[in-house]
N, C-alpha and C. Protein backbone atom coordinates (compact mmCIF):
# COMPACT_ATOMS: atom_id res chain seq x y z
N UNK A 1 -42.33 48.98 -40.42
CA UNK A 1 -42.06 47.83 -40.63
C UNK A 1 -43.63 46.79 -40.40
N UNK A 2 -43.76 45.63 -41.27
CA UNK A 2 -45.05 44.97 -41.10
C UNK A 2 -44.73 43.39 -40.46
N UNK A 3 -45.63 43.19 -39.51
CA UNK A 3 -45.33 41.84 -39.04
C UNK A 3 -46.18 41.12 -39.02
N UNK A 4 -46.03 39.62 -39.79
CA UNK A 4 -46.99 38.71 -39.79
C UNK A 4 -46.99 37.83 -38.80
N UNK A 5 -47.78 37.26 -38.24
CA UNK A 5 -47.63 35.87 -37.42
C UNK A 5 -49.24 35.25 -37.41
N UNK A 6 -49.11 34.03 -38.29
CA UNK A 6 -50.42 33.27 -37.96
C UNK A 6 -50.54 32.15 -36.97
N UNK A 7 -51.76 31.66 -36.92
CA UNK A 7 -51.85 30.63 -35.77
C UNK A 7 -51.00 30.86 -34.45
N UNK A 8 -50.98 32.09 -33.96
CA UNK A 8 -50.89 32.42 -32.76
C UNK A 8 -51.58 32.20 -31.50
N UNK A 9 -51.21 32.04 -30.49
CA UNK A 9 -52.16 31.54 -29.03
C UNK A 9 -51.66 32.46 -28.07
N UNK A 10 -52.54 32.63 -27.21
CA UNK A 10 -52.12 33.29 -25.56
C UNK A 10 -50.57 32.42 -25.17
N UNK A 11 -50.07 33.45 -25.03
CA UNK A 11 -48.68 32.87 -24.48
C UNK A 11 -47.54 33.30 -25.39
N UNK A 12 -46.47 32.81 -25.14
CA UNK A 12 -45.23 32.93 -25.98
C UNK A 12 -45.02 32.37 -27.58
N UNK A 13 -44.77 32.79 -28.20
CA UNK A 13 -44.73 32.28 -29.93
C UNK A 13 -43.77 32.83 -30.03
N UNK A 14 -42.99 31.92 -30.68
CA UNK A 14 -41.62 32.21 -31.34
C UNK A 14 -42.05 32.61 -33.13
N UNK A 15 -41.32 33.82 -33.45
CA UNK A 15 -41.80 34.10 -34.91
C UNK A 15 -40.98 33.35 -35.65
N UNK A 16 -41.51 33.07 -36.93
CA UNK A 16 -41.22 31.99 -38.04
C UNK A 16 -39.86 33.17 -38.64
N UNK A 17 -38.77 32.38 -39.11
CA UNK A 17 -37.66 32.70 -39.97
C UNK A 17 -38.42 33.21 -41.36
N UNK A 18 -37.81 34.19 -41.97
CA UNK A 18 -38.11 34.64 -43.33
C UNK A 18 -36.58 35.73 -43.65
N UNK A 19 -36.27 35.59 -44.80
CA UNK A 19 -35.38 36.55 -45.09
C UNK A 19 -35.81 37.97 -45.68
N UNK A 20 -37.40 38.33 -46.04
CA UNK A 20 -37.60 39.62 -45.99
C UNK A 20 -39.01 39.54 -45.99
N UNK A 21 -39.26 39.47 -44.52
CA UNK A 21 -40.42 40.01 -43.64
C UNK A 21 -40.51 41.45 -43.22
N UNK A 22 -39.80 42.16 -43.38
CA UNK A 22 -39.75 43.67 -42.88
C UNK A 22 -38.95 44.77 -43.74
N UNK A 23 -39.53 45.72 -44.05
CA UNK A 23 -39.02 46.46 -44.98
C UNK A 23 -38.88 48.12 -44.22
N UNK A 24 -38.14 48.60 -45.02
CA UNK A 24 -37.72 50.20 -44.38
C UNK A 24 -37.50 50.71 -46.04
N UNK A 25 -38.74 51.71 -46.33
CA UNK A 25 -38.61 52.20 -47.65
C UNK A 25 -37.86 53.30 -47.13
N UNK A 26 -37.61 53.82 -46.27
CA UNK A 26 -36.59 55.39 -45.91
C UNK A 26 -35.14 55.14 -46.33
N UNK A 27 -34.61 53.93 -46.04
CA UNK A 27 -33.12 53.26 -46.12
C UNK A 27 -32.52 53.91 -47.20
N UNK A 28 -31.81 55.02 -46.93
CA UNK A 28 -31.24 55.72 -47.99
C UNK A 28 -30.22 54.87 -48.93
N UNK A 29 -29.42 53.85 -48.36
CA UNK A 29 -28.59 52.94 -49.32
C UNK A 29 -29.12 51.72 -50.13
N UNK A 30 -30.86 51.81 -49.99
CA UNK A 30 -31.20 51.15 -50.95
C UNK A 30 -31.49 49.48 -50.20
N UNK A 31 -30.82 49.24 -49.32
CA UNK A 31 -31.49 47.99 -48.22
C UNK A 31 -32.68 48.12 -47.69
N UNK A 32 -33.59 47.89 -48.26
CA UNK A 32 -35.13 47.94 -47.71
C UNK A 32 -35.58 46.56 -46.79
N UNK A 33 -34.95 45.52 -47.59
CA UNK A 33 -35.47 44.29 -46.88
C UNK A 33 -34.87 43.73 -45.82
N UNK A 34 -35.69 43.32 -44.74
CA UNK A 34 -34.76 43.01 -43.71
C UNK A 34 -35.43 41.47 -43.18
N UNK A 35 -34.51 40.61 -42.81
CA UNK A 35 -35.14 39.15 -42.18
C UNK A 35 -34.56 39.04 -41.11
N UNK A 36 -35.54 38.24 -40.24
CA UNK A 36 -34.89 38.04 -39.03
C UNK A 36 -33.61 37.57 -38.59
N UNK A 37 -32.84 38.08 -37.46
CA UNK A 37 -31.64 37.35 -37.18
C UNK A 37 -31.95 36.30 -36.37
N UNK A 38 -31.43 35.20 -36.53
CA UNK A 38 -32.04 34.24 -35.77
C UNK A 38 -30.78 33.80 -34.73
N UNK A 39 -29.84 34.48 -34.56
CA UNK A 39 -28.90 34.47 -33.31
C UNK A 39 -29.42 35.30 -32.03
N UNK A 40 -30.66 36.05 -32.09
CA UNK A 40 -31.48 36.73 -31.17
C UNK A 40 -32.50 35.94 -31.11
N UNK A 41 -33.12 36.43 -29.93
CA UNK A 41 -34.66 36.31 -29.55
C UNK A 41 -35.29 36.72 -30.57
N UNK A 42 -36.80 36.02 -31.12
CA UNK A 42 -38.14 36.31 -31.81
C UNK A 42 -38.97 36.19 -31.36
N UNK A 43 -39.46 36.86 -30.61
CA UNK A 43 -40.83 36.46 -29.91
C UNK A 43 -41.93 37.40 -30.07
N UNK A 44 -43.20 36.53 -30.02
CA UNK A 44 -44.64 37.05 -30.07
C UNK A 44 -45.10 36.94 -28.92
N UNK A 45 -45.71 37.55 -27.74
CA UNK A 45 -46.28 37.32 -26.81
C UNK A 45 -47.67 37.61 -26.65
N UNK A 46 -48.75 36.98 -26.70
CA UNK A 46 -50.01 37.30 -26.60
C UNK A 46 -50.20 37.02 -25.21
N UNK A 47 -50.78 38.49 -24.87
CA UNK A 47 -51.60 38.64 -23.55
C UNK A 47 -52.93 38.48 -23.51
N UNK A 48 -53.38 38.86 -24.40
CA UNK A 48 -54.98 38.78 -24.16
C UNK A 48 -55.82 38.64 -25.40
N UNK A 49 -56.81 37.96 -25.75
CA UNK A 49 -57.22 37.76 -27.09
C UNK A 49 -58.79 38.16 -26.83
N UNK A 50 -59.37 39.30 -27.38
CA UNK A 50 -61.15 39.14 -27.03
C UNK A 50 -61.77 39.31 -28.00
N UNK A 51 -62.60 37.70 -27.95
CA UNK A 51 -63.29 37.49 -29.06
C UNK A 51 -64.48 38.19 -29.30
N UNK A 52 -65.20 38.91 -28.59
CA UNK A 52 -66.38 39.89 -28.44
C UNK A 52 -66.18 40.88 -29.21
N UNK A 53 -64.70 41.72 -29.14
CA UNK A 53 -65.00 42.92 -29.64
C UNK A 53 -63.56 43.17 -30.43
N UNK A 54 -63.48 41.60 -30.74
CA UNK A 54 -62.23 41.21 -32.18
C UNK A 54 -61.07 42.28 -31.84
N UNK A 55 -60.35 42.30 -30.70
CA UNK A 55 -58.97 42.89 -29.89
C UNK A 55 -57.80 42.12 -29.63
N UNK A 56 -56.88 42.07 -29.94
CA UNK A 56 -55.74 41.14 -29.37
C UNK A 56 -54.76 42.30 -28.79
N UNK A 57 -54.13 41.74 -27.76
CA UNK A 57 -53.05 42.80 -26.94
C UNK A 57 -51.73 41.92 -26.81
N UNK A 58 -50.77 42.20 -26.86
CA UNK A 58 -49.42 41.39 -26.50
C UNK A 58 -48.22 42.43 -26.79
N UNK A 59 -46.89 41.56 -26.78
CA UNK A 59 -45.65 42.29 -26.86
C UNK A 59 -44.83 41.50 -27.70
N UNK A 60 -44.04 41.94 -28.31
CA UNK A 60 -42.92 41.27 -29.30
C UNK A 60 -41.71 41.96 -29.23
N UNK A 61 -40.66 41.11 -29.60
CA UNK A 61 -39.23 41.20 -29.46
C UNK A 61 -38.54 40.82 -30.59
N UNK A 62 -37.45 41.59 -31.20
CA UNK A 62 -36.86 40.81 -32.27
C UNK A 62 -35.82 41.47 -32.90
N UNK A 63 -34.76 40.80 -33.43
CA UNK A 63 -33.72 41.73 -34.29
C UNK A 63 -33.69 41.20 -35.70
N UNK A 64 -33.56 42.78 -36.46
CA UNK A 64 -33.38 42.09 -38.14
C UNK A 64 -32.23 42.70 -38.81
N UNK A 65 -31.90 41.88 -40.03
CA UNK A 65 -30.75 42.36 -40.66
C UNK A 65 -31.02 42.49 -41.83
N UNK A 66 -30.71 43.39 -42.55
CA UNK A 66 -30.67 43.81 -44.06
C UNK A 66 -29.14 43.27 -44.81
N UNK A 67 -29.51 43.60 -46.10
CA UNK A 67 -28.35 42.87 -47.07
C UNK A 67 -27.11 44.29 -46.69
N UNK A 68 -27.50 45.32 -46.33
CA UNK A 68 -26.02 45.98 -46.21
C UNK A 68 -25.72 46.02 -44.65
N UNK A 69 -25.91 44.92 -43.79
CA UNK A 69 -25.66 44.40 -42.73
C UNK A 69 -25.89 45.43 -41.63
N UNK A 70 -27.21 46.29 -41.92
CA UNK A 70 -27.83 47.51 -40.63
C UNK A 70 -28.73 46.40 -39.96
N UNK A 71 -28.74 46.82 -38.81
CA UNK A 71 -29.62 46.03 -38.01
C UNK A 71 -30.62 46.78 -37.04
N UNK A 72 -31.49 46.08 -36.72
CA UNK A 72 -32.66 46.97 -36.33
C UNK A 72 -33.02 46.23 -34.87
N UNK A 73 -33.21 46.39 -33.93
CA UNK A 73 -33.31 45.63 -32.71
C UNK A 73 -34.54 46.06 -31.85
N UNK A 74 -35.87 45.55 -31.58
CA UNK A 74 -36.88 45.88 -31.20
C UNK A 74 -37.15 45.20 -29.82
N UNK A 75 -36.97 45.73 -28.56
CA UNK A 75 -37.04 45.23 -27.46
C UNK A 75 -38.43 45.02 -26.61
N UNK A 76 -39.04 46.31 -26.84
CA UNK A 76 -40.13 46.44 -26.16
C UNK A 76 -41.29 46.79 -26.77
N UNK A 77 -41.38 46.04 -27.77
CA UNK A 77 -42.64 46.33 -28.79
C UNK A 77 -44.08 45.87 -28.11
N UNK A 78 -45.13 46.68 -28.42
CA UNK A 78 -46.47 46.90 -27.75
C UNK A 78 -47.54 46.61 -28.60
N UNK A 79 -48.64 46.16 -28.41
CA UNK A 79 -49.57 46.25 -29.51
C UNK A 79 -51.17 46.12 -28.56
N UNK A 80 -51.85 46.60 -29.29
CA UNK A 80 -53.34 46.59 -28.81
C UNK A 80 -54.26 46.98 -29.93
N UNK A 81 -54.58 45.80 -30.97
CA UNK A 81 -55.11 46.26 -32.34
C UNK A 81 -56.50 45.28 -31.80
N UNK A 82 -57.28 45.43 -33.06
CA UNK A 82 -58.37 44.91 -33.67
C UNK A 82 -57.98 44.03 -34.61
N UNK A 83 -58.50 42.75 -34.72
CA UNK A 83 -58.50 42.05 -35.68
C UNK A 83 -59.63 41.79 -36.27
N UNK A 84 -59.31 40.72 -37.66
CA UNK A 84 -60.58 40.34 -38.17
C UNK A 84 -60.39 39.13 -38.81
N UNK A 85 -61.14 38.19 -39.32
CA UNK A 85 -61.00 36.93 -40.13
C UNK A 85 -60.46 37.04 -41.43
């Protein structure tokens, strides 16, 4: 899955709704596109931004749903990544 969130700041950021933001190309039923399920929490929390080393650290949680009614719930997502402009 790929996750994009622009204009985020340190603290809690709500993920924006999109019907086809996430993909699962291994889905055997052919339902590869997932969209955020708006009835659940959809949160991206930025804990630290290091502007010298260009790294960002944080957590995320969200639930997605595809056209086959499959759901994926991410509750304890974590990232510690380098970023670029």
